[in-house]
PDB file of N, CA and C in Angstrom:
ATOM      1  N   UNK A   1       5.193 -49.445 -25.896  1.00  0.00           N
ATOM      2  CA  UNK A   1       5.095 -48.074 -26.336  1.00  0.00           C
ATOM      3  C   UNK A   1       5.557 -48.015 -27.795  1.00  0.00           C
ATOM      4  N   UNK A   2       4.811 -47.307 -28.566  1.00  0.00           N
ATOM      5  CA  UNK A   2       5.167 -47.220 -29.972  1.00  0.00           C
ATOM      6  C   UNK A   2       6.231 -46.163 -30.190  1.00  0.00           C
ATOM      7  N   UNK A   3       6.801 -46.237 -31.361  1.00  0.00           N
ATOM      8  CA  UNK A   3       7.879 -45.322 -31.709  1.00  0.00           C
ATOM      9  C   UNK A   3       7.376 -43.883 -31.811  1.00  0.00           C
ATOM     10  N   UNK A   4       6.171 -43.683 -32.307  1.00  0.00           N
ATOM     11  CA  UNK A   4       5.614 -42.333 -32.463  1.00  0.00           C
ATOM     12  C   UNK A   4       5.341 -41.690 -31.099  1.00  0.00           C
ATOM     13  N   UNK A   5       4.822 -42.463 -30.161  1.00  0.00           N
ATOM     14  CA  UNK A   5       4.575 -41.921 -28.819  1.00  0.00           C
ATOM     15  C   UNK A   5       5.879 -41.502 -28.161  1.00  0.00           C
ATOM     16  N   UNK A   6       6.907 -42.314 -28.362  1.00  0.00           N
ATOM     17  CA  UNK A   6       8.205 -41.988 -27.774  1.00  0.00           C
ATOM     18  C   UNK A   6       8.742 -40.681 -28.357  1.00  0.00           C
ATOM     19  N   UNK A   7       8.615 -40.504 -29.673  1.00  0.00           N
ATOM     20  CA  UNK A   7       9.100 -39.282 -30.315  1.00  0.00           C
ATOM     21  C   UNK A   7       8.348 -38.049 -29.801  1.00  0.00           C
ATOM     22  N   UNK A   8       7.040 -38.163 -29.655  1.00  0.00           N
ATOM     23  CA  UNK A   8       6.275 -37.007 -29.168  1.00  0.00           C
ATOM     24  C   UNK A   8       6.628 -36.688 -27.719  1.00  0.00           C
ATOM     25  N   UNK A   9       6.801 -37.699 -26.916  1.00  0.00           N
ATOM     26  CA  UNK A   9       7.193 -37.457 -25.518  1.00  0.00           C
ATOM     27  C   UNK A   9       8.585 -36.840 -25.446  1.00  0.00           C
ATOM     28  N   UNK A  10       9.477 -37.295 -26.322  1.00  0.00           N
ATOM     29  CA  UNK A  10      10.827 -36.736 -26.361  1.00  0.00           C
ATOM     30  C   UNK A  10      10.795 -35.267 -26.779  1.00  0.00           C
ATOM     31  N   UNK A  11       9.979 -34.916 -27.769  1.00  0.00           N
ATOM     32  CA  UNK A  11       9.853 -33.526 -28.201  1.00  0.00           C
ATOM     33  C   UNK A  11       9.276 -32.652 -27.100  1.00  0.00           C
ATOM     34  N   UNK A  12       8.294 -33.153 -26.386  1.00  0.00           N
ATOM     35  CA  UNK A  12       7.702 -32.404 -25.267  1.00  0.00           C
ATOM     36  C   UNK A  12       8.748 -32.155 -24.192  1.00  0.00           C
ATOM     37  N   UNK A  13       9.540 -33.173 -23.878  1.00  0.00           N
ATOM     38  CA  UNK A  13      10.572 -33.022 -22.853  1.00  0.00           C
ATOM     39  C   UNK A  13      11.628 -32.019 -23.281  1.00  0.00           C
ATOM     40  N   UNK A  14      12.011 -32.037 -24.562  1.00  0.00           N
ATOM     41  CA  UNK A  14      13.005 -31.075 -25.047  1.00  0.00           C
ATOM     42  C   UNK A  14      12.478 -29.649 -24.958  1.00  0.00           C
ATOM     43  N   UNK A  15      11.207 -29.447 -25.316  1.00  0.00           N
ATOM     44  CA  UNK A  15      10.611 -28.114 -25.236  1.00  0.00           C
ATOM     45  C   UNK A  15      10.579 -27.619 -23.796  1.00  0.00           C
ATOM     46  N   UNK A  16      10.205 -28.510 -22.883  1.00  0.00           N
ATOM     47  CA  UNK A  16      10.148 -28.130 -21.475  1.00  0.00           C
ATOM     48  C   UNK A  16      11.534 -27.777 -20.958  1.00  0.00           C
ATOM     49  N   UNK A  17      12.541 -28.532 -21.348  1.00  0.00           N
ATOM     50  CA  UNK A  17      13.907 -28.264 -20.922  1.00  0.00           C
ATOM     51  C   UNK A  17      14.390 -26.923 -21.450  1.00  0.00           C
ATOM     52  N   UNK A  18      14.108 -26.610 -22.693  1.00  0.00           N
ATOM     53  CA  UNK A  18      14.541 -25.318 -23.253  1.00  0.00           C
ATOM     54  C   UNK A  18      13.803 -24.156 -22.587  1.00  0.00           C
ATOM     55  N   UNK A  19      12.525 -24.346 -22.226  1.00  0.00           N
ATOM     56  CA  UNK A  19      11.782 -23.293 -21.518  1.00  0.00           C
ATOM     57  C   UNK A  19      12.375 -23.045 -20.140  1.00  0.00           C
ATOM     58  N   UNK A  20      12.770 -24.116 -19.439  1.00  0.00           N
ATOM     59  CA  UNK A  20      13.382 -23.969 -18.125  1.00  0.00           C
ATOM     60  C   UNK A  20      14.713 -23.241 -18.218  1.00  0.00           C
ATOM     61  N   UNK A  21      15.494 -23.542 -19.250  1.00  0.00           N
ATOM     62  CA  UNK A  21      16.779 -22.858 -19.429  1.00  0.00           C
ATOM     63  C   UNK A  21      16.571 -21.372 -19.698  1.00  0.00           C
ATOM     64  N   UNK A  22      15.549 -21.030 -20.476  1.00  0.00           N
ATOM     65  CA  UNK A  22      15.263 -19.618 -20.750  1.00  0.00           C
ATOM     66  C   UNK A  22      14.855 -18.884 -19.484  1.00  0.00           C
ATOM     67  N   UNK A  23      14.065 -19.521 -18.631  1.00  0.00           N
ATOM     68  CA  UNK A  23      13.644 -18.889 -17.380  1.00  0.00           C
ATOM     69  C   UNK A  23      14.839 -18.638 -16.478  1.00  0.00           C
ATOM     70  N   UNK A  24      15.772 -19.603 -16.397  1.00  0.00           N
ATOM     71  CA  UNK A  24      16.948 -19.444 -15.546  1.00  0.00           C
ATOM     72  C   UNK A  24      17.854 -18.329 -16.049  1.00  0.00           C
ATOM     73  N   UNK A  25      18.010 -18.195 -17.352  1.00  0.00           N
ATOM     74  CA  UNK A  25      18.858 -17.130 -17.874  1.00  0.00           C
ATOM     75  C   UNK A  25      18.229 -15.765 -17.603  1.00  0.00           C
ATOM     76  N   UNK A  26      16.898 -15.656 -17.635  1.00  0.00           N
ATOM     77  CA  UNK A  26      16.231 -14.396 -17.308  1.00  0.00           C
ATOM     78  C   UNK A  26      16.453 -14.033 -15.852  1.00  0.00           C
ATOM     79  N   UNK A  27      16.425 -15.014 -14.965  1.00  0.00           N
ATOM     80  CA  UNK A  27      16.642 -14.740 -13.539  1.00  0.00           C
ATOM     81  C   UNK A  27      18.048 -14.231 -13.305  1.00  0.00           C
ATOM     82  N   UNK A  28      19.046 -14.817 -13.956  1.00  0.00           N
ATOM     83  CA  UNK A  28      20.423 -14.367 -13.782  1.00  0.00           C
ATOM     84  C   UNK A  28      20.584 -12.940 -14.274  1.00  0.00           C
ATOM     85  N   UNK A  29      19.978 -12.622 -15.375  1.00  0.00           N
ATOM     86  CA  UNK A  29      20.066 -11.272 -15.912  1.00  0.00           C
ATOM     87  C   UNK A  29      19.396 -10.277 -14.978  1.00  0.00           C
ATOM     88  N   UNK A  30      18.250 -10.632 -14.455  1.00  0.00           N
ATOM     89  CA  UNK A  30      17.560  -9.703 -13.574  1.00  0.00           C
ATOM     90  C   UNK A  30      18.315  -9.521 -12.258  1.00  0.00           C
ATOM     91  N   UNK A  31      18.974 -10.562 -11.763  1.00  0.00           N
ATOM     92  CA  UNK A  31      19.767 -10.418 -10.546  1.00  0.00           C
ATOM     93  C   UNK A  31      20.956  -9.503 -10.771  1.00  0.00           C
ATOM     94  N   UNK A  32      21.555  -9.582 -11.941  1.00  0.00           N
ATOM     95  CA  UNK A  32      22.651  -8.680 -12.257  1.00  0.00           C
ATOM     96  C   UNK A  32      22.153  -7.238 -12.314  1.00  0.00           C
ATOM     97  N   UNK A  33      20.968  -7.031 -12.852  1.00  0.00           N
ATOM     98  CA  UNK A  33      20.380  -5.702 -12.899  1.00  0.00           C
ATOM     99  C   UNK A  33      20.098  -5.150 -11.517  1.00  0.00           C
ATOM    100  N   UNK A  34      19.610  -5.998 -10.645  1.00  0.00           N
ATOM    101  CA  UNK A  34      19.318  -5.570  -9.270  1.00  0.00           C
ATOM    102  C   UNK A  34      20.612  -5.207  -8.548  1.00  0.00           C
ATOM    103  N   UNK A  35      21.659  -6.007  -8.743  1.00  0.00           N
ATOM    104  CA  UNK A  35      22.939  -5.703  -8.106  1.00  0.00           C
ATOM    105  C   UNK A  35      23.502  -4.379  -8.615  1.00  0.00           C
ATOM    106  N   UNK A  36      23.370  -4.138  -9.923  1.00  0.00           N
ATOM    107  CA  UNK A  36      23.838  -2.870 -10.486  1.00  0.00           C
ATOM    108  C   UNK A  36      23.038  -1.702  -9.935  1.00  0.00           C
ATOM    109  N   UNK A  37      21.727  -1.897  -9.785  1.00  0.00           N
ATOM    110  CA  UNK A  37      20.868  -0.840  -9.246  1.00  0.00           C
ATOM    111  C   UNK A  37      21.257  -0.494  -7.810  1.00  0.00           C
ATOM    112  N   UNK A  38      21.499  -1.525  -7.001  1.00  0.00           N
ATOM    113  CA  UNK A  38      21.856  -1.278  -5.599  1.00  0.00           C
ATOM    114  C   UNK A  38      23.199  -0.569  -5.485  1.00  0.00           C
ATOM    115  N   UNK A  39      24.186  -0.994  -6.273  1.00  0.00           N
ATOM    116  CA  UNK A  39      25.489  -0.336  -6.189  1.00  0.00           C
ATOM    117  C   UNK A  39      25.406   1.108  -6.685  1.00  0.00           C
ATOM    118  N   UNK A  40      24.594   1.346  -7.698  1.00  0.00           N
ATOM    119  CA  UNK A  40      24.424   2.707  -8.204  1.00  0.00           C
ATOM    120  C   UNK A  40      23.747   3.595  -7.171  1.00  0.00           C
ATOM    121  N   UNK A  41      22.757   3.054  -6.467  1.00  0.00           N
ATOM    122  CA  UNK A  41      22.086   3.832  -5.425  1.00  0.00           C
ATOM    123  C   UNK A  41      23.062   4.230  -4.324  1.00  0.00           C
ATOM    124  N   UNK A  42      23.925   3.313  -3.946  1.00  0.00           N
ATOM    125  CA  UNK A  42      24.891   3.603  -2.878  1.00  0.00           C
ATOM    126  C   UNK A  42      25.878   4.677  -3.319  1.00  0.00           C
ATOM    127  N   UNK A  43      26.439   4.528  -4.503  1.00  0.00           N
ATOM    128  CA  UNK A  43      27.425   5.492  -4.998  1.00  0.00           C
ATOM    129  C   UNK A  43      26.780   6.864  -5.217  1.00  0.00           C
ATOM    130  N   UNK A  44      25.566   6.873  -5.751  1.00  0.00           N
ATOM    131  CA  UNK A  44      24.887   8.146  -6.005  1.00  0.00           C
ATOM    132  C   UNK A  44      24.612   8.890  -4.709  1.00  0.00           C
ATOM    133  N   UNK A  45      24.190   8.172  -3.675  1.00  0.00           N
ATOM    134  CA  UNK A  45      23.902   8.833  -2.399  1.00  0.00           C
ATOM    135  C   UNK A  45      25.168   9.449  -1.811  1.00  0.00           C
ATOM    136  N   UNK A  46      26.284   8.751  -1.911  1.00  0.00           N
ATOM    137  CA  UNK A  46      27.548   9.280  -1.383  1.00  0.00           C
ATOM    138  C   UNK A  46      27.979  10.509  -2.190  1.00  0.00           C
ATOM    139  N   UNK A  47      27.865  10.437  -3.512  1.00  0.00           N
ATOM    140  CA  UNK A  47      28.250  11.582  -4.348  1.00  0.00           C
ATOM    141  C   UNK A  47      27.374  12.797  -4.090  1.00  0.00           C
ATOM    142  N   UNK A  48      26.074  12.593  -4.004  1.00  0.00           N
ATOM    143  CA  UNK A  48      25.165  13.720  -3.757  1.00  0.00           C
ATOM    144  C   UNK A  48      25.453  14.340  -2.394  1.00  0.00           C
ATOM    145  N   UNK A  49      25.667  13.521  -1.382  1.00  0.00           N
ATOM    146  CA  UNK A  49      25.993  14.050  -0.059  1.00  0.00           C
ATOM    147  C   UNK A  49      27.284  14.849  -0.070  1.00  0.00           C
ATOM    148  N   UNK A  50      28.297  14.339  -0.756  1.00  0.00           N
ATOM    149  CA  UNK A  50      29.582  15.050  -0.815  1.00  0.00           C
ATOM    150  C   UNK A  50      29.459  16.364  -1.573  1.00  0.00           C
ATOM    151  N   UNK A  51      28.705  16.378  -2.652  1.00  0.00           N
ATOM    152  CA  UNK A  51      28.530  17.614  -3.432  1.00  0.00           C
ATOM    153  C   UNK A  51      27.772  18.657  -2.623  1.00  0.00           C
ATOM    154  N   UNK A  52      26.739  18.225  -1.920  1.00  0.00           N
ATOM    155  CA  UNK A  52      25.992  19.167  -1.071  1.00  0.00           C
ATOM    156  C   UNK A  52      26.901  19.736   0.012  1.00  0.00           C
ATOM    157  N   UNK A  53      27.718  18.880   0.617  1.00  0.00           N
ATOM    158  CA  UNK A  53      28.665  19.360   1.624  1.00  0.00           C
ATOM    159  C   UNK A  53      29.671  20.327   1.057  1.00  0.00           C
ATOM    160  N   UNK A  54      30.151  20.060  -0.141  1.00  0.00           N
ATOM    161  CA  UNK A  54      31.102  20.969  -0.785  1.00  0.00           C
ATOM    162  C   UNK A  54      30.477  22.329  -1.054  1.00  0.00           C
ATOM    163  N   UNK A  55      29.244  22.330  -1.542  1.00  0.00           N
ATOM    164  CA  UNK A  55      28.557  23.599  -1.827  1.00  0.00           C
ATOM    165  C   UNK A  55      28.336  24.384  -0.539  1.00  0.00           C
ATOM    166  N   UNK A  56      27.861  23.722   0.501  1.00  0.00           N
ATOM    167  CA  UNK A  56      27.645  24.425   1.762  1.00  0.00           C
ATOM    168  C   UNK A  56      28.950  24.928   2.355  1.00  0.00           C
ATOM    169  N   UNK A  57      30.025  24.148   2.217  1.00  0.00           N
ATOM    170  CA  UNK A  57      31.320  24.602   2.713  1.00  0.00           C
ATOM    171  C   UNK A  57      31.796  25.852   1.976  1.00  0.00           C
ATOM    172  N   UNK A  58      31.560  25.915   0.695  1.00  0.00           N
ATOM    173  CA  UNK A  58      32.003  27.095  -0.042  1.00  0.00           C
ATOM    174  C   UNK A  58      31.155  28.317   0.322  1.00  0.00           C
ATOM    175  N   UNK A  59      29.879  28.105   0.641  1.00  0.00           N
ATOM    176  CA  UNK A  59      29.024  29.221   1.049  1.00  0.00           C
ATOM    177  C   UNK A  59      29.389  29.743   2.433  1.00  0.00           C
ATOM    178  N   UNK A  60      29.593  28.809   3.367  1.00  0.00           N
ATOM    179  CA  UNK A  60      29.800  29.211   4.761  1.00  0.00           C
ATOM    180  C   UNK A  60      31.270  29.285   5.160  1.00  0.00           C
ATOM    181  N   UNK A  61      32.177  28.828   4.320  1.00  0.00           N
ATOM    182  CA  UNK A  61      33.603  28.894   4.627  1.00  0.00           C
ATOM    183  C   UNK A  61      34.009  27.991   5.773  1.00  0.00           C
ATOM    184  N   UNK A  62      33.438  26.818   5.863  1.00  0.00           N
ATOM    185  CA  UNK A  62      33.725  25.909   6.976  1.00  0.00           C
ATOM    186  C   UNK A  62      34.482  24.657   6.520  1.00  0.00           C
ATOM    187  N   UNK A  63      35.260  24.756   5.440  1.00  0.00           N
ATOM    188  CA  UNK A  63      35.935  23.574   4.901  1.00  0.00           C
ATOM    189  C   UNK A  63      36.751  22.900   5.979  1.00  0.00           C
ATOM    190  N   UNK A  64      36.800  21.646   6.079  1.00  0.00           N
ATOM    191  CA  UNK A  64      36.169  20.523   5.383  1.00  0.00           C
ATOM    192  C   UNK A  64      35.016  19.912   6.172  1.00  0.00           C
ATOM    193  N   UNK A  65      34.503  20.601   7.175  1.00  0.00           N
ATOM    194  CA  UNK A  65      33.570  19.972   8.110  1.00  0.00           C
ATOM    195  C   UNK A  65      32.237  19.586   7.475  1.00  0.00           C
ATOM    196  N   UNK A  66      31.663  20.423   6.666  1.00  0.00           N
ATOM    197  CA  UNK A  66      30.376  20.070   6.073  1.00  0.00           C
ATOM    198  C   UNK A  66      30.525  19.017   4.971  1.00  0.00           C
ATOM    199  N   UNK A  67      31.679  19.020   4.299  1.00  0.00           N
ATOM    200  CA  UNK A  67      31.918  17.948   3.325  1.00  0.00           C
ATOM    201  C   UNK A  67      31.926  16.599   4.038  1.00  0.00           C
ATOM    202  N   UNK A  68      32.661  16.532   5.138  1.00  0.00           N
ATOM    203  CA  UNK A  68      32.725  15.267   5.891  1.00  0.00           C
ATOM    204  C   UNK A  68      31.367  14.876   6.451  1.00  0.00           C
ATOM    205  N   UNK A  69      30.653  15.843   6.988  1.00  0.00           N
ATOM    206  CA  UNK A  69      29.341  15.553   7.579  1.00  0.00           C
ATOM    207  C   UNK A  69      28.379  15.017   6.529  1.00  0.00           C
ATOM    208  N   UNK A  70      28.281  15.704   5.399  1.00  0.00           N
ATOM    209  CA  UNK A  70      27.349  15.261   4.367  1.00  0.00           C
ATOM    210  C   UNK A  70      27.829  13.999   3.652  1.00  0.00           C
ATOM    211  N   UNK A  71      29.147  13.768   3.635  1.00  0.00           N
ATOM    212  CA  UNK A  71      29.650  12.503   3.104  1.00  0.00           C
ATOM    213  C   UNK A  71      29.098  11.346   3.917  1.00  0.00           C
ATOM    214  N   UNK A  72      29.187  11.445   5.232  1.00  0.00           N
ATOM    215  CA  UNK A  72      28.694  10.362   6.084  1.00  0.00           C
ATOM    216  C   UNK A  72      27.164  10.256   6.051  1.00  0.00           C
ATOM    217  N   UNK A  73      26.498  11.389   5.897  1.00  0.00           N
ATOM    218  CA  UNK A  73      25.035  11.342   5.730  1.00  0.00           C
ATOM    219  C   UNK A  73      24.693  10.607   4.429  1.00  0.00           C
ATOM    220  N   UNK A  74      25.462  10.848   3.372  1.00  0.00           N
ATOM    221  CA  UNK A  74      25.250  10.154   2.113  1.00  0.00           C
ATOM    222  C   UNK A  74      25.516   8.664   2.225  1.00  0.00           C
ATOM    223  N   UNK A  75      26.548   8.293   2.963  1.00  0.00           N
ATOM    224  CA  UNK A  75      26.851   6.872   3.170  1.00  0.00           C
ATOM    225  C   UNK A  75      25.696   6.192   3.901  1.00  0.00           C
ATOM    226  N   UNK A  76      25.207   6.830   4.942  1.00  0.00           N
ATOM    227  CA  UNK A  76      24.097   6.250   5.711  1.00  0.00           C
ATOM    228  C   UNK A  76      22.843   6.144   4.852  1.00  0.00           C
ATOM    229  N   UNK A  77      22.547   7.194   4.078  1.00  0.00           N
ATOM    230  CA  UNK A  77      21.368   7.159   3.208  1.00  0.00           C
ATOM    231  C   UNK A  77      21.501   6.069   2.151  1.00  0.00           C
ATOM    232  N   UNK A  78      22.693   5.906   1.587  1.00  0.00           N
ATOM    233  CA  UNK A  78      22.914   4.863   0.590  1.00  0.00           C
ATOM    234  C   UNK A  78      22.743   3.472   1.152  1.00  0.00           C
ATOM    235  N   UNK A  79      23.268   3.252   2.345  1.00  0.00           N
ATOM    236  CA  UNK A  79      23.118   1.937   2.982  1.00  0.00           C
ATOM    237  C   UNK A  79      21.662   1.664   3.300  1.00  0.00           C
ATOM    238  N   UNK A  80      20.952   2.660   3.776  1.00  0.00           N
ATOM    239  CA  UNK A  80      19.525   2.470   4.061  1.00  0.00           C
ATOM    240  C   UNK A  80      18.740   2.155   2.790  1.00  0.00           C
ATOM    241  N   UNK A  81      19.084   2.797   1.673  1.00  0.00           N
ATOM    242  CA  UNK A  81      18.421   2.497   0.404  1.00  0.00           C
ATOM    243  C   UNK A  81      18.681   1.062  -0.039  1.00  0.00           C
ATOM    244  N   UNK A  82      19.917   0.605   0.127  1.00  0.00           N
ATOM    245  CA  UNK A  82      20.256  -0.769  -0.265  1.00  0.00           C
ATOM    246  C   UNK A  82      19.524  -1.763   0.615  1.00  0.00           C
ATOM    247  N   UNK A  83      19.467  -1.514   1.908  1.00  0.00           N
ATOM    248  CA  UNK A  83      18.763  -2.416   2.825  1.00  0.00           C
ATOM    249  C   UNK A  83      17.274  -2.439   2.489  1.00  0.00           C
ATOM    250  N   UNK A  84      16.704  -1.283   2.209  1.00  0.00           N
ATOM    251  CA  UNK A  84      15.279  -1.212   1.850  1.00  0.00           C
ATOM    252  C   UNK A  84      15.003  -1.977   0.556  1.00  0.00           C
ATOM    253  N   UNK A  85      15.879  -1.843  -0.422  1.00  0.00           N
ATOM    254  CA  UNK A  85      15.700  -2.577  -1.672  1.00  0.00           C
ATOM    255  C   UNK A  85      15.818  -4.077  -1.457  1.00  0.00           C
ATOM    256  N   UNK A  86      16.755  -4.484  -0.614  1.00  0.00           N
ATOM    257  CA  UNK A  86      16.930  -5.912  -0.340  1.00  0.00           C
ATOM    258  C   UNK A  86      15.712  -6.487   0.371  1.00  0.00           C
ATOM    259  N   UNK A  87      15.130  -5.721   1.274  1.00  0.00           N
ATOM    260  CA  UNK A  87      13.915  -6.197   1.954  1.00  0.00           C
ATOM    261  C   UNK A  87      12.752  -6.324   0.981  1.00  0.00           C
ATOM    262  N   UNK A  88      12.651  -5.379   0.037  1.00  0.00           N
ATOM    263  CA  UNK A  88      11.584  -5.471  -0.972  1.00  0.00           C
ATOM    264  C   UNK A  88      11.783  -6.665  -1.882  1.00  0.00           C
ATOM    265  N   UNK A  89      13.029  -7.039  -2.155  1.00  0.00           N
ATOM    266  CA  UNK A  89      13.305  -8.210  -2.995  1.00  0.00           C
ATOM    267  C   UNK A  89      12.876  -9.500  -2.296  1.00  0.00           C
ATOM    268  N   UNK A  90      13.000  -9.549  -0.990  1.00  0.00           N
ATOM    269  CA  UNK A  90      12.652 -10.763  -0.245  1.00  0.00           C
ATOM    270  C   UNK A  90      11.161 -11.003  -0.203  1.00  0.00           C
ATOM    271  N   UNK A  91      10.373  -9.953  -0.365  1.00  0.00           N
ATOM    272  CA  UNK A  91       8.913 -10.101  -0.304  1.00  0.00           C
ATOM    273  C   UNK A  91       8.361 -10.784  -1.481  1.00  0.00           C
TER     274      UNK A  91
END
């Protein structure tokens, strides 16, 4: 094998290695984004449920029962959203 062929093969291998590293860093970034999205969905569902319960409690004067009820509805909705997102990721 000549010296020039070796240099070209070495350059090709270096380019391929750098492309693979770039792809892996993109995957890590996107996984972090997905994790942030799922945690935000869960927290948002709980907050929205609690706020709705608070508003209904102030209208109907039933404190704290509707806050608790809608809090748990928000928790369930948030968990279902996270499970649904995880199933979509697996596809």
